[in-house]
Structures are given as structure tokens and as C-alpha cells.
N, C-alpha and C. Protein backbone atom coordinates (compact mmCIF):
# COMPACT_ATOMS: atom_id res chain seq x y z
N MET A 1 99.35 91.06 114.25
CA MET A 1 97.61 90.53 114.30
C MET A 1 97.35 92.15 115.14
N ARG A 2 98.07 92.76 116.08
CA ARG A 2 97.57 93.62 116.72
C ARG A 2 97.31 94.89 115.78
N ARG A 3 98.12 95.16 114.46
CA ARG A 3 97.63 96.21 113.93
C ARG A 3 96.19 95.59 112.63
N VAL A 4 96.06 94.46 112.96
CA VAL A 4 94.47 94.58 112.46
C VAL A 4 93.48 94.75 113.07
N THR A 5 93.57 94.50 114.10
CA THR A 5 92.51 94.78 115.34
C THR A 5 92.73 96.02 115.22
N VAL A 6 93.72 96.86 115.89
CA VAL A 6 93.79 98.01 116.68
C VAL A 6 92.91 99.22 115.53
N LEU A 7 92.32 100.32 116.38
CA LEU A 7 91.00 101.02 116.18
C LEU A 7 91.99 102.21 115.23
N PHE A 8 93.14 102.33 115.10
CA PHE A 8 93.72 103.27 114.87
C PHE A 8 94.94 103.51 114.17
N PRO A 9 95.36 103.46 113.18
CA PRO A 9 96.79 102.99 112.66
C PRO A 9 98.16 104.44 113.04
N TYR A 10 98.48 104.04 114.25
CA TYR A 10 98.98 104.91 114.74
C TYR A 10 100.80 104.83 113.92
N TRP A 11 100.45 103.58 113.41
CA TRP A 11 102.01 104.01 113.10
C TRP A 11 102.60 104.79 111.34
N HIS A 12 101.02 105.02 111.16
CA HIS A 12 101.91 105.76 109.73
C HIS A 12 101.86 107.44 110.92
N TYR A 13 101.62 107.87 111.76
CA TYR A 13 101.99 109.15 112.51
C TYR A 13 103.47 108.49 113.28
N VAL A 14 103.34 107.80 114.48
CA VAL A 14 104.19 107.93 114.89
C VAL A 14 104.66 106.29 115.52
N SER A 15 106.34 106.32 115.14
CA SER A 15 106.75 105.05 115.13
C SER A 15 107.20 104.98 116.93
N LEU A 16 107.24 103.64 116.76
CA LEU A 16 107.27 103.17 118.60
C LEU A 16 108.45 102.24 118.67
N PRO A 17 109.08 102.00 119.72
CA PRO A 17 110.36 100.92 119.98
C PRO A 17 109.95 99.76 119.05
N GLU A 18 108.99 98.91 119.34
CA GLU A 18 109.07 97.83 118.73
C GLU A 18 108.41 98.21 116.65
N ASP A 19 107.56 99.40 116.55
CA ASP A 19 108.11 99.41 115.47
C ASP A 19 109.30 99.39 114.66
N ARG A 20 110.63 100.40 115.41
CA ARG A 20 111.23 100.52 114.94
C ARG A 20 112.13 99.19 114.76
N ARG A 21 112.05 98.44 115.76
CA ARG A 21 112.86 96.91 116.14
C ARG A 21 112.65 95.92 114.35
N LEU A 22 111.15 96.21 114.48
CA LEU A 22 110.42 95.30 113.13
C LEU A 22 110.99 95.70 112.22
N ALA A 23 110.86 97.21 111.51
CA ALA A 23 111.44 97.99 110.02
C ALA A 23 113.17 97.69 110.51
N ARG A 24 113.86 97.03 111.37
CA ARG A 24 115.20 96.53 111.23
C ARG A 24 115.14 95.45 110.74
N ALA A 25 114.61 94.66 111.58
CA ALA A 25 114.33 92.96 111.33
C ALA A 25 113.78 92.98 109.94
N MET A 26 113.55 93.24 109.58
CA MET A 26 112.89 93.70 108.00
C MET A 26 113.94 93.35 106.72
N GLU A 27 115.05 92.98 106.54
CA GLU A 27 116.11 92.96 105.53
C GLU A 27 115.25 92.34 104.36
N VAL A 28 113.84 92.12 104.06
CA VAL A 28 113.36 91.07 102.93
C VAL A 28 113.37 92.23 102.55
N HIS A 29 112.93 93.75 103.08
CA HIS A 29 113.11 94.97 102.32
C HIS A 29 114.27 95.23 100.94
N ARG A 30 115.22 94.96 101.70
CA ARG A 30 116.16 95.33 100.19
C ARG A 30 116.68 94.40 99.55
N TYR A 31 116.12 92.88 99.85
CA TYR A 31 116.22 91.36 98.63
C TYR A 31 114.84 91.46 97.68
N ILE A 32 113.93 92.49 98.08
CA ILE A 32 113.00 92.87 97.59
C ILE A 32 113.42 94.14 96.60
N LYS A 33 114.33 94.82 96.78
CA LYS A 33 114.35 95.78 95.83
C LYS A 33 115.49 94.98 94.79
N LYS A 34 116.76 94.15 95.01
CA LYS A 34 117.33 93.31 94.75
C LYS A 34 116.56 92.77 92.98
N MET A 35 115.31 91.79 93.88
CA MET A 35 114.51 91.63 92.86
C MET A 35 113.61 92.46 92.09
N ILE A 36 113.75 93.39 92.28
CA ILE A 36 113.14 94.01 91.32
C ILE A 36 113.95 94.74 89.92
N GLU A 37 115.19 94.66 90.82
CA GLU A 37 116.49 95.42 89.96
C GLU A 37 116.66 94.40 89.14
N ARG A 38 116.63 93.22 89.37
CA ARG A 38 117.18 92.09 88.65
C ARG A 38 116.14 91.95 87.68
N ALA A 39 114.93 92.03 87.65
CA ALA A 39 113.27 91.69 87.12
C ALA A 39 113.66 92.71 86.01
N TYR A 40 114.43 93.92 86.37
CA TYR A 40 113.97 95.19 84.94
C TYR A 40 114.94 94.94 84.19
N ASP A 41 116.47 94.68 84.84
CA ASP A 41 117.14 94.34 83.76
C ASP A 41 116.68 93.28 82.79
N ARG A 42 116.47 92.04 82.95
CA ARG A 42 116.19 91.18 82.28
C ARG A 42 115.20 91.42 81.01
N LEU A 43 114.03 92.80 81.55
CA LEU A 43 113.31 93.15 80.77
C LEU A 43 113.91 93.95 79.50
N GLN A 44 114.91 95.10 80.38
CA GLN A 44 115.61 95.53 79.16
C GLN A 44 116.37 95.12 78.23
N GLN A 45 116.78 93.78 78.60
CA GLN A 45 117.64 93.34 78.03
C GLN A 45 116.85 92.20 77.21
N SER A 46 116.24 91.61 77.36
CA SER A 46 115.46 90.77 76.92
C SER A 46 114.88 90.78 75.11
N ALA A 47 114.69 90.79 74.12
CA ALA A 47 114.15 90.76 72.79
C ALA A 47 112.66 90.47 73.02
N ASP A 48 112.20 89.83 74.02
CA ASP A 48 110.55 89.56 74.05
C ASP A 48 110.37 90.56 75.04
N PRO A 49 109.46 91.12 74.76
CA PRO A 49 109.35 92.77 75.94
C PRO A 49 108.31 92.06 76.29
N SER A 50 107.76 91.17 76.04
CA SER A 50 106.52 90.59 77.28
C SER A 50 106.59 90.24 78.25
N PRO A 51 106.10 90.23 79.59
CA PRO A 51 106.27 89.83 81.10
C PRO A 51 106.48 88.32 80.91
N HIS A 52 106.78 87.77 81.83
CA HIS A 52 107.22 86.36 81.71
C HIS A 52 106.68 86.15 83.38
N ASN A 53 106.53 86.75 84.30
CA ASN A 53 106.04 86.44 85.68
C ASN A 53 105.20 87.92 86.21
N LEU A 54 104.43 87.45 87.48
CA LEU A 54 104.00 89.09 88.02
C LEU A 54 104.60 90.06 88.59
N LEU A 55 106.01 89.86 89.07
CA LEU A 55 106.34 90.91 88.95
C LEU A 55 107.24 92.01 88.00
N GLU A 56 107.04 90.94 86.81
CA GLU A 56 107.82 92.07 85.76
C GLU A 56 106.29 91.90 84.77
N ALA A 57 105.32 92.17 84.85
CA ALA A 57 104.01 92.47 84.28
C ALA A 57 103.58 94.08 85.33
N MET A 58 104.28 93.73 86.32
CA MET A 58 104.11 94.89 87.02
C MET A 58 104.94 96.20 86.19
N LEU A 59 106.40 95.81 86.52
CA LEU A 59 107.02 96.54 86.38
C LEU A 59 106.74 96.59 84.60
N VAL A 60 105.87 96.31 83.60
CA VAL A 60 105.71 96.71 82.93
C VAL A 60 104.85 98.04 82.44
N ALA A 61 103.68 97.51 83.73
CA ALA A 61 102.70 98.48 83.75
C ALA A 61 102.84 99.69 84.85
N ARG A 62 104.07 99.79 85.41
CA ARG A 62 104.65 100.79 86.20
C ARG A 62 105.30 102.05 84.75
N ASN A 63 105.61 101.65 83.54
CA ASN A 63 106.11 102.41 82.76
C ASN A 63 105.37 102.24 81.43
N GLU A 64 104.02 102.03 81.76
CA GLU A 64 103.12 102.63 80.69
C GLU A 64 102.23 104.23 80.94
N PRO A 65 101.73 104.59 80.00
CA PRO A 65 101.73 105.95 79.90
C PRO A 65 100.62 106.57 81.33
N ASP A 66 100.44 106.82 81.92
CA ASP A 66 99.04 107.56 83.22
C ASP A 66 99.04 106.57 83.59
N SER A 67 100.27 105.92 84.17
CA SER A 67 100.26 104.36 84.76
C SER A 67 99.70 105.48 86.50
N THR A 68 99.36 104.57 87.16
CA THR A 68 98.93 104.73 89.26
C THR A 68 100.11 103.73 89.04
N VAL A 69 100.92 102.99 88.90
CA VAL A 69 101.55 101.60 89.55
C VAL A 69 102.55 102.42 90.05
N THR A 70 103.32 102.48 91.22
CA THR A 70 104.66 102.93 91.76
C THR A 70 105.30 102.16 92.06
N ASP A 71 106.71 102.28 92.46
CA ASP A 71 107.88 101.40 92.82
C ASP A 71 107.36 100.71 94.23
N GLU A 72 106.43 101.88 95.56
CA GLU A 72 106.16 101.67 96.33
C GLU A 72 104.72 100.78 96.54
N LEU A 73 103.93 100.55 95.42
CA LEU A 73 103.22 99.71 95.40
C LEU A 73 103.57 98.12 94.89
N ILE A 74 104.69 98.23 93.87
CA ILE A 74 105.33 96.96 93.22
C ILE A 74 105.58 96.39 94.90
N SER A 75 107.31 97.42 95.19
CA SER A 75 107.61 96.63 96.39
C SER A 75 106.47 95.95 97.60
N ALA A 76 105.55 96.19 98.05
CA ALA A 76 104.65 95.69 98.87
C ALA A 76 103.44 94.58 97.75
N ASN A 77 103.49 94.46 96.82
CA ASN A 77 103.25 93.14 96.64
C ASN A 77 103.73 92.31 96.27
N VAL A 78 105.17 92.67 96.42
CA VAL A 78 106.24 92.05 96.37
C VAL A 78 106.21 91.12 97.73
N LEU A 79 106.31 91.45 98.59
CA LEU A 79 106.36 91.74 99.80
C LEU A 79 105.16 90.47 100.40
N THR A 80 103.77 90.85 100.05
CA THR A 80 102.55 89.97 100.15
C THR A 80 102.85 89.00 99.73
N LEU A 81 103.44 88.50 98.24
CA LEU A 81 103.31 87.38 97.81
C LEU A 81 104.90 86.67 98.82
N LEU A 82 105.99 86.94 98.84
CA LEU A 82 106.95 86.52 99.91
C LEU A 82 106.56 85.88 100.62
N VAL A 83 105.55 87.04 101.92
CA VAL A 83 105.46 86.56 103.32
C VAL A 83 104.44 85.83 103.55
N ALA A 84 103.15 86.48 102.65
CA ALA A 84 101.84 86.24 103.19
C ALA A 84 101.21 85.51 102.06
N GLY A 85 102.43 84.69 100.80
CA GLY A 85 101.13 83.91 100.35
C GLY A 85 102.18 83.26 99.83
N GLU A 86 102.87 82.64 100.52
CA GLU A 86 103.60 81.11 100.25
C GLU A 86 102.73 80.01 101.31
N ASP A 87 103.17 80.32 102.33
CA ASP A 87 102.26 79.50 103.41
C ASP A 87 100.98 79.43 102.98
N THR A 88 100.39 80.20 103.09
CA THR A 88 98.99 80.85 102.57
C THR A 88 98.46 79.54 101.71
N THR A 89 98.82 79.94 100.49
CA THR A 89 98.39 79.27 99.61
C THR A 89 98.80 77.98 99.69
N ALA A 90 99.61 77.40 100.06
CA ALA A 90 100.07 75.81 100.16
C ALA A 90 99.45 75.41 101.38
N ASN A 91 98.64 75.65 102.33
CA ASN A 91 97.75 75.47 103.33
C ASN A 91 96.34 75.15 102.58
N ALA A 92 95.68 76.34 101.69
CA ALA A 92 94.72 76.23 100.92
C ALA A 92 94.16 75.41 100.08
N ILE A 93 95.21 75.27 99.48
CA ILE A 93 95.52 74.10 98.56
C ILE A 93 95.38 72.79 99.49
N ALA A 94 96.12 72.22 100.16
CA ALA A 94 96.20 70.91 101.33
C ALA A 94 94.89 70.81 101.20
N TRP A 95 94.11 71.80 102.04
CA TRP A 95 92.75 71.60 102.38
C TRP A 95 92.25 71.21 101.21
N ALA A 96 91.87 71.89 99.80
CA ALA A 96 90.90 71.83 99.24
C ALA A 96 91.45 70.14 97.96
N LEU A 97 92.38 70.09 98.17
CA LEU A 97 92.53 68.55 97.36
C LEU A 97 91.70 67.59 98.24
N MET A 98 91.92 67.92 100.03
CA MET A 98 91.54 66.91 100.77
C MET A 98 90.04 66.33 100.65
N TYR A 99 89.00 68.11 100.36
CA TYR A 99 87.64 67.66 100.04
C TYR A 99 87.24 67.51 98.61
N ILE A 100 88.55 67.94 97.30
CA ILE A 100 88.03 67.69 96.74
C ILE A 100 88.46 65.42 96.53
N ALA A 101 89.04 64.95 96.97
CA ALA A 101 89.64 63.92 97.39
C ALA A 101 88.67 63.09 97.69
N ALA A 102 87.68 63.71 98.57
CA ALA A 102 86.59 62.64 99.07
C ALA A 102 85.32 62.80 98.37
N ASP A 103 84.98 63.37 96.99
CA ASP A 103 84.07 63.91 96.82
C ASP A 103 84.34 63.48 94.59
N SER A 104 83.95 61.82 94.62
CA SER A 104 84.04 61.66 93.66
C SER A 104 83.52 62.44 91.93
N PRO A 105 81.75 62.27 92.60
CA PRO A 105 81.15 63.45 91.44
C PRO A 105 81.70 64.76 91.33
N LEU A 106 82.44 65.54 92.77
CA LEU A 106 82.90 66.87 92.47
C LEU A 106 84.38 66.70 91.11
N GLN A 107 85.34 65.76 91.42
CA GLN A 107 86.37 65.73 90.55
C GLN A 107 85.95 65.23 89.12
N TYR A 108 84.59 64.56 89.08
CA TYR A 108 84.78 64.45 87.34
C TYR A 108 84.17 65.94 86.93
N GLN A 109 83.52 66.71 87.20
CA GLN A 109 82.88 68.10 87.17
C GLN A 109 84.00 69.15 87.27
N LEU A 110 84.99 68.77 88.22
CA LEU A 110 86.35 69.93 87.70
C LEU A 110 87.38 69.20 86.67
N PHE A 111 87.08 68.31 85.62
CA PHE A 111 88.10 67.58 85.18
C PHE A 111 87.17 67.56 84.11
N GLU A 112 85.82 67.45 83.78
CA GLU A 112 85.27 67.97 82.53
C GLU A 112 85.65 69.79 82.68
N GLN A 113 85.61 70.61 83.69
CA GLN A 113 85.27 72.09 83.34
C GLN A 113 86.69 72.55 82.93
N SER A 114 87.99 71.66 83.98
CA SER A 114 88.91 72.21 83.64
C SER A 114 89.12 71.58 82.09
N SER A 115 88.79 70.46 81.10
CA SER A 115 89.30 69.99 80.01
C SER A 115 88.69 71.25 79.10
N ALA A 116 87.45 71.50 79.13
CA ALA A 116 86.85 72.85 78.43
C ALA A 116 87.81 73.56 78.03
N ALA A 117 88.41 74.36 79.19
CA ALA A 117 88.33 75.57 79.55
C ALA A 117 89.87 76.05 79.08
N LEU A 118 90.76 74.61 79.32
CA LEU A 118 92.35 74.52 78.92
C LEU A 118 92.73 73.53 78.12
N GLY A 119 91.57 72.89 77.56
CA GLY A 119 92.34 72.09 76.47
C GLY A 119 93.52 71.26 76.25
N GLU A 120 94.44 71.21 76.28
CA GLU A 120 95.23 70.34 75.97
C GLU A 120 97.05 70.70 76.56
N SER A 121 96.71 72.40 76.88
CA SER A 121 97.32 73.25 78.04
C SER A 121 97.58 72.23 79.36
N ARG A 122 98.90 72.21 79.53
CA ARG A 122 98.71 71.50 81.30
C ARG A 122 98.82 72.78 82.25
N VAL A 123 98.68 74.04 81.64
CA VAL A 123 98.63 75.05 82.63
C VAL A 123 97.93 76.24 82.15
N CYS A 124 96.92 77.15 82.73
CA CYS A 124 96.32 78.22 81.90
C CYS A 124 97.00 78.60 81.12
N PRO A 125 96.54 79.00 79.68
CA PRO A 125 97.28 79.84 78.83
C PRO A 125 96.95 80.97 78.97
N ASP A 126 96.02 81.67 78.91
CA ASP A 126 95.97 82.76 79.69
C ASP A 126 95.14 83.47 80.69
N TYR A 127 94.81 84.80 80.92
CA TYR A 127 93.78 85.08 81.99
C TYR A 127 92.36 85.08 80.96
N ASP A 128 92.32 84.52 79.98
CA ASP A 128 90.76 84.71 80.22
C ASP A 128 90.00 83.31 80.39
N ALA A 129 91.12 82.64 80.26
CA ALA A 129 90.80 80.86 80.41
C ALA A 129 90.39 81.08 81.87
N LEU A 130 90.45 81.94 83.16
CA LEU A 130 90.76 81.28 84.20
C LEU A 130 88.76 81.91 84.57
N LYS A 131 88.47 82.80 83.73
CA LYS A 131 87.07 83.02 83.58
C LYS A 131 85.70 82.22 82.96
N HIS A 132 86.47 80.73 83.13
CA HIS A 132 85.43 79.78 82.92
C HIS A 132 85.97 78.50 83.49
N LEU A 133 86.71 78.87 84.89
CA LEU A 133 86.97 78.33 85.56
C LEU A 133 86.32 78.48 86.98
N ASP A 134 84.80 78.71 87.08
CA ASP A 134 83.79 78.95 87.97
C ASP A 134 84.16 77.62 89.31
N LEU A 135 83.76 76.22 88.62
CA LEU A 135 83.79 75.75 89.77
C LEU A 135 85.16 75.73 90.29
N CYS A 136 85.93 75.84 89.95
CA CYS A 136 87.70 75.75 90.44
C CYS A 136 87.16 76.95 91.79
N GLU A 137 87.08 77.75 91.37
CA GLU A 137 86.99 78.97 91.97
C GLU A 137 85.95 78.67 93.37
N ALA A 138 84.60 77.99 93.20
CA ALA A 138 83.70 77.77 94.02
C ALA A 138 84.54 76.74 95.07
N VAL A 139 85.45 75.89 94.46
CA VAL A 139 86.05 74.94 95.25
C VAL A 139 86.92 75.53 96.57
N CYS A 140 88.01 76.80 95.48
CA CYS A 140 88.77 77.45 96.50
C CYS A 140 88.27 78.53 97.85
N SER A 141 87.19 78.63 97.59
CA SER A 141 86.10 79.46 98.17
C SER A 141 85.74 78.92 98.97
N GLU A 142 85.29 77.73 98.77
CA GLU A 142 84.26 76.44 99.85
C GLU A 142 85.27 75.84 101.10
N ALA A 143 86.39 75.52 100.26
CA ALA A 143 87.49 75.27 101.33
C ALA A 143 88.28 76.29 102.37
N LEU A 144 88.25 77.75 101.45
CA LEU A 144 88.74 78.71 102.49
C LEU A 144 87.26 79.44 103.43
N ARG A 145 86.45 79.08 103.45
CA ARG A 145 85.39 78.99 104.26
C ARG A 145 85.62 78.14 105.54
N LEU A 146 85.44 76.99 104.99
CA LEU A 146 85.50 76.25 106.17
C LEU A 146 87.06 75.75 107.08
N ARG A 147 88.46 75.89 105.97
CA ARG A 147 89.38 76.10 107.16
C ARG A 147 90.25 77.29 106.18
N PRO A 148 90.14 78.56 107.04
CA PRO A 148 90.77 79.99 106.72
C PRO A 148 92.04 79.79 107.07
N VAL A 149 92.99 80.49 106.39
CA VAL A 149 94.05 80.09 106.59
C VAL A 149 94.38 81.28 107.87
N ALA A 150 93.46 82.76 107.26
CA ALA A 150 93.70 83.78 108.26
C ALA A 150 92.13 83.33 109.27
N ALA A 151 92.12 83.30 110.25
CA ALA A 151 91.14 83.32 111.37
C ALA A 151 90.53 84.53 111.40
N ILE A 152 91.09 85.74 111.83
CA ILE A 152 90.14 87.03 111.86
C ILE A 152 90.57 87.81 110.08
N GLN A 153 89.50 87.90 109.18
CA GLN A 153 89.45 88.77 108.19
C GLN A 153 88.71 89.84 108.14
N THR A 154 89.55 91.44 108.03
CA THR A 154 88.90 92.83 107.92
C THR A 154 88.98 92.70 106.32
N PHE A 155 87.88 93.83 106.35
CA PHE A 155 87.78 94.70 105.13
C PHE A 155 86.96 95.74 105.13
N GLU A 156 87.24 96.91 103.85
CA GLU A 156 86.31 97.74 104.63
C GLU A 156 86.30 98.48 102.90
N PRO A 157 84.54 99.11 102.78
CA PRO A 157 84.41 99.52 101.64
C PRO A 157 85.15 100.42 101.18
N LEU A 158 85.26 100.61 99.85
CA LEU A 158 85.77 102.05 99.13
C LEU A 158 85.04 103.30 98.75
N ALA A 159 84.30 102.49 98.34
CA ALA A 159 82.73 103.70 98.33
C ALA A 159 81.69 103.46 99.47
N ASP A 160 81.25 104.65 99.60
CA ASP A 160 79.43 104.35 100.45
C ASP A 160 78.80 103.20 99.74
N VAL A 161 78.30 102.13 100.48
CA VAL A 161 77.20 101.49 99.83
C VAL A 161 76.41 100.76 100.75
N CYS A 162 75.00 100.31 100.26
CA CYS A 162 73.95 99.73 101.39
C CYS A 162 74.10 98.38 100.87
N LEU A 163 74.08 97.59 102.03
CA LEU A 163 73.87 95.95 102.32
C LEU A 163 72.96 95.66 103.00
N GLY A 164 72.57 94.98 102.17
CA GLY A 164 70.71 94.52 103.22
C GLY A 164 70.35 95.30 103.86
N GLY A 165 69.96 96.46 103.51
CA GLY A 165 69.08 98.06 103.87
C GLY A 165 70.07 98.66 105.05
N VAL A 166 71.34 98.11 105.09
CA VAL A 166 72.39 98.51 106.36
C VAL A 166 73.21 99.90 105.27
N ALA A 167 72.93 101.07 105.67
CA ALA A 167 74.34 101.64 105.13
C ALA A 167 75.39 101.85 105.91
N ILE A 168 76.53 101.91 104.70
CA ILE A 168 77.58 101.50 105.05
C ILE A 168 78.68 102.71 104.72
N PRO A 169 79.37 103.31 105.44
CA PRO A 169 80.35 104.53 104.71
C PRO A 169 81.51 103.69 104.06
N ALA A 170 82.45 104.52 103.44
CA ALA A 170 83.43 104.06 102.69
C ALA A 170 84.37 103.95 103.91
N GLY A 171 85.21 103.37 104.19
CA GLY A 171 86.24 103.15 105.24
C GLY A 171 85.57 102.64 106.57
N THR A 172 84.16 101.95 106.90
CA THR A 172 84.10 101.25 107.79
C THR A 172 84.88 100.11 108.09
N ARG A 173 85.37 99.99 108.95
CA ARG A 173 86.25 98.61 108.75
C ARG A 173 85.05 97.59 109.39
N MET A 174 85.13 96.21 108.98
CA MET A 174 84.39 95.40 109.21
C MET A 174 85.17 93.84 109.45
N ARG A 175 84.54 93.16 109.75
CA ARG A 175 84.96 91.81 109.78
C ARG A 175 84.30 90.61 109.69
N LEU A 176 84.74 90.01 108.32
CA LEU A 176 84.07 88.95 107.98
C LEU A 176 83.70 87.10 108.18
N ALA A 177 82.77 87.36 108.80
CA ALA A 177 81.90 85.94 109.69
C ALA A 177 81.24 85.15 108.82
N ASP A 178 81.08 83.59 109.34
CA ASP A 178 80.92 82.85 108.64
C ASP A 178 79.45 82.26 109.08
N ALA A 179 77.90 82.80 108.65
CA ALA A 179 76.74 82.37 109.31
C ALA A 179 76.27 81.46 109.73
N PRO A 180 75.90 81.32 110.98
CA PRO A 180 75.94 80.36 112.19
C PRO A 180 74.52 79.61 111.63
N TRP A 181 73.47 80.47 110.91
CA TRP A 181 72.07 80.02 110.80
C TRP A 181 71.88 79.36 109.78
N HIS A 182 73.34 79.48 108.67
CA HIS A 182 73.02 78.81 107.16
C HIS A 182 72.63 77.15 107.29
N ALA A 183 72.03 76.52 106.49
CA ALA A 183 71.65 75.72 106.55
C ALA A 183 73.12 74.76 106.16
N GLY A 184 73.56 73.74 107.38
CA GLY A 184 74.77 72.93 107.24
C GLY A 184 75.80 73.96 106.90
N PRO A 185 76.26 74.47 107.71
CA PRO A 185 77.61 75.57 107.64
C PRO A 185 78.86 74.63 107.81
N GLU A 186 78.98 73.39 108.47
CA GLU A 186 80.26 72.64 108.28
C GLU A 186 79.98 71.46 107.24
N ALA A 187 78.93 71.73 106.35
CA ALA A 187 79.22 70.72 105.24
C ALA A 187 80.15 71.37 104.22
N PHE A 188 80.60 71.03 103.19
CA PHE A 188 81.37 71.21 102.15
C PHE A 188 80.96 71.28 100.77
N ARG A 189 80.57 72.81 100.20
CA ARG A 189 79.42 72.54 99.25
C ARG A 189 79.92 73.56 98.30
N ALA A 190 80.75 72.65 97.56
CA ALA A 190 81.30 73.45 95.92
C ALA A 190 80.38 74.56 95.30
N SER A 191 79.24 74.18 95.28
CA SER A 191 78.13 74.97 94.40
C SER A 191 76.86 74.07 94.95
N GLY A 192 75.63 75.36 94.41
CA GLY A 192 74.37 74.26 94.47
C GLY A 192 74.20 73.59 94.18
N GLY A 193 74.64 73.19 92.92
CA GLY A 193 74.23 71.88 91.83
C GLY A 193 74.93 70.64 92.31
N ILE A 194 75.75 71.01 93.15
CA ILE A 194 76.57 69.51 93.42
C ILE A 194 76.39 69.18 95.05
N GLN A 195 76.21 68.05 95.23
CA GLN A 195 75.79 67.51 96.58
C GLN A 195 77.00 67.66 97.31
N PRO A 196 76.58 68.06 98.90
CA PRO A 196 77.26 67.88 99.63
C PRO A 196 78.13 66.82 100.28
N SER A 197 79.29 67.29 100.31
CA SER A 197 80.77 66.29 100.54
C SER A 197 80.36 65.60 102.09
N PRO A 198 80.23 63.84 102.32
CA PRO A 198 80.11 63.40 103.49
C PRO A 198 81.42 63.38 104.15
N LEU A 199 82.41 64.79 104.07
CA LEU A 199 83.33 65.17 104.39
C LEU A 199 83.61 66.40 105.52
N GLU A 200 83.34 66.58 106.98
CA GLU A 200 82.58 67.73 107.38
C GLU A 200 83.69 68.08 108.40
N ALA A 201 83.83 69.54 108.06
CA ALA A 201 84.65 69.72 109.76
C ALA A 201 84.42 69.60 110.66
N PRO A 202 85.31 69.38 111.59
CA PRO A 202 85.02 68.98 113.09
C PRO A 202 84.25 69.83 113.36
N GLN A 203 83.65 69.93 115.21
CA GLN A 203 82.80 71.17 115.90
C GLN A 203 83.92 72.20 116.04
N GLY A 204 82.95 73.62 115.66
CA GLY A 204 83.99 74.52 116.11
C GLY A 204 85.00 75.25 115.46
N SER A 205 85.31 74.12 114.33
CA SER A 205 86.27 74.63 113.73
C SER A 205 85.94 75.88 112.61
N VAL A 206 84.65 76.40 112.18
CA VAL A 206 83.96 76.71 111.17
C VAL A 206 83.85 78.09 112.30
């Protein structure tokens, strides 16, 4: 968390004792290397060249002509999935299910949209189907707004932009904050067309 809020990323230029201790403790990097090697071997030996998971998809993309995917990029994404993508995802799903369980109309609308997009499939058949699950995405976004896994979220634009009349140069470090003046900021609203759920977040949790 200290690296998230620090003004200057010193670790790119100098390694302090605590940084070296962290690097030695990160045994996960060796595990990730073995994961990548095993996945690459499976792709090489399989009669089906199409990838079956995200890691294999990244390896396939790396070998495409003019690809910008590197081994370092693949390792970083796998590390994110292992370290930051497991408990955080489970936490977000748990809160989203709680809000869905308290809203019968929302349950029906989610069922209708999912049935139309997925058909008889029990899982998402392809990436294009995700484009038709807008309400599901709205539920996830609203659950994360009320119950954020990470209390502090920072981001920066990749290019110069202008938002609300304010010029923001590329690379400007910003923090995401929920607007306290928003009407009913503590109520769960998956979309403008759905009535707010009676289940609200406790005071001070937003």
C-alpha cells in the first residue's frame, strides 16, 4: 500500500533493504515460471491449437506476428491473478450476491438477460456474449462501489484528456472517490431503470 500512495516510484531506480527482502520472499515468481513452462508444453503437444485458459491465450498472443506481449507481461498478469485476483474476486461476488438476494425484481431481470445472452449454456460460450450482459456488469460495478475490495483506488490517463472542463495531462496520478452529493449514495442501484434495493450500506461504509 505504501507503493500505491508514494509520490515517486523509487524502486524502479534504487532497491532498499525492505525491497530486497520482499523480492527474496516472493517465491511465487518461480512458481509462475513453472506454470508458464507447463502451459507452453501443453500447447506444443496438444492437437488443438486453440487456448483453453487465460494463460494459454497470452502465450498464443505472444507468438503472433508483431505481438507486443512479452514474457514479463505474461508473468505480471499471472501474478496479479494469483495474488490479487482470488480473494478480491470472491469478496466482490459475495457482496453482489447479497444485494441480488435482497432484490426480487433484479433477480428476474438478471435471469432474463442471462438466458437471452447465454441460451442453454451454463457458462459464457464466448467473449461476444459478454457484450449482452450489461445488467450483470452494472451489478458488479454497483457492488464494488458500495463495498470496494480496495479502499484506495488510483489511476492515471494514458493520454492528455479533458474531463468536465478540467485538463488532465497524461500520467497524472488520481484517486477514485464516490461523490457524497450523489442522490442516495448508500442505496444499491444496479441501473437507472431498477428501483433501489431496501438493503443499504451502513453509515460510513461508502
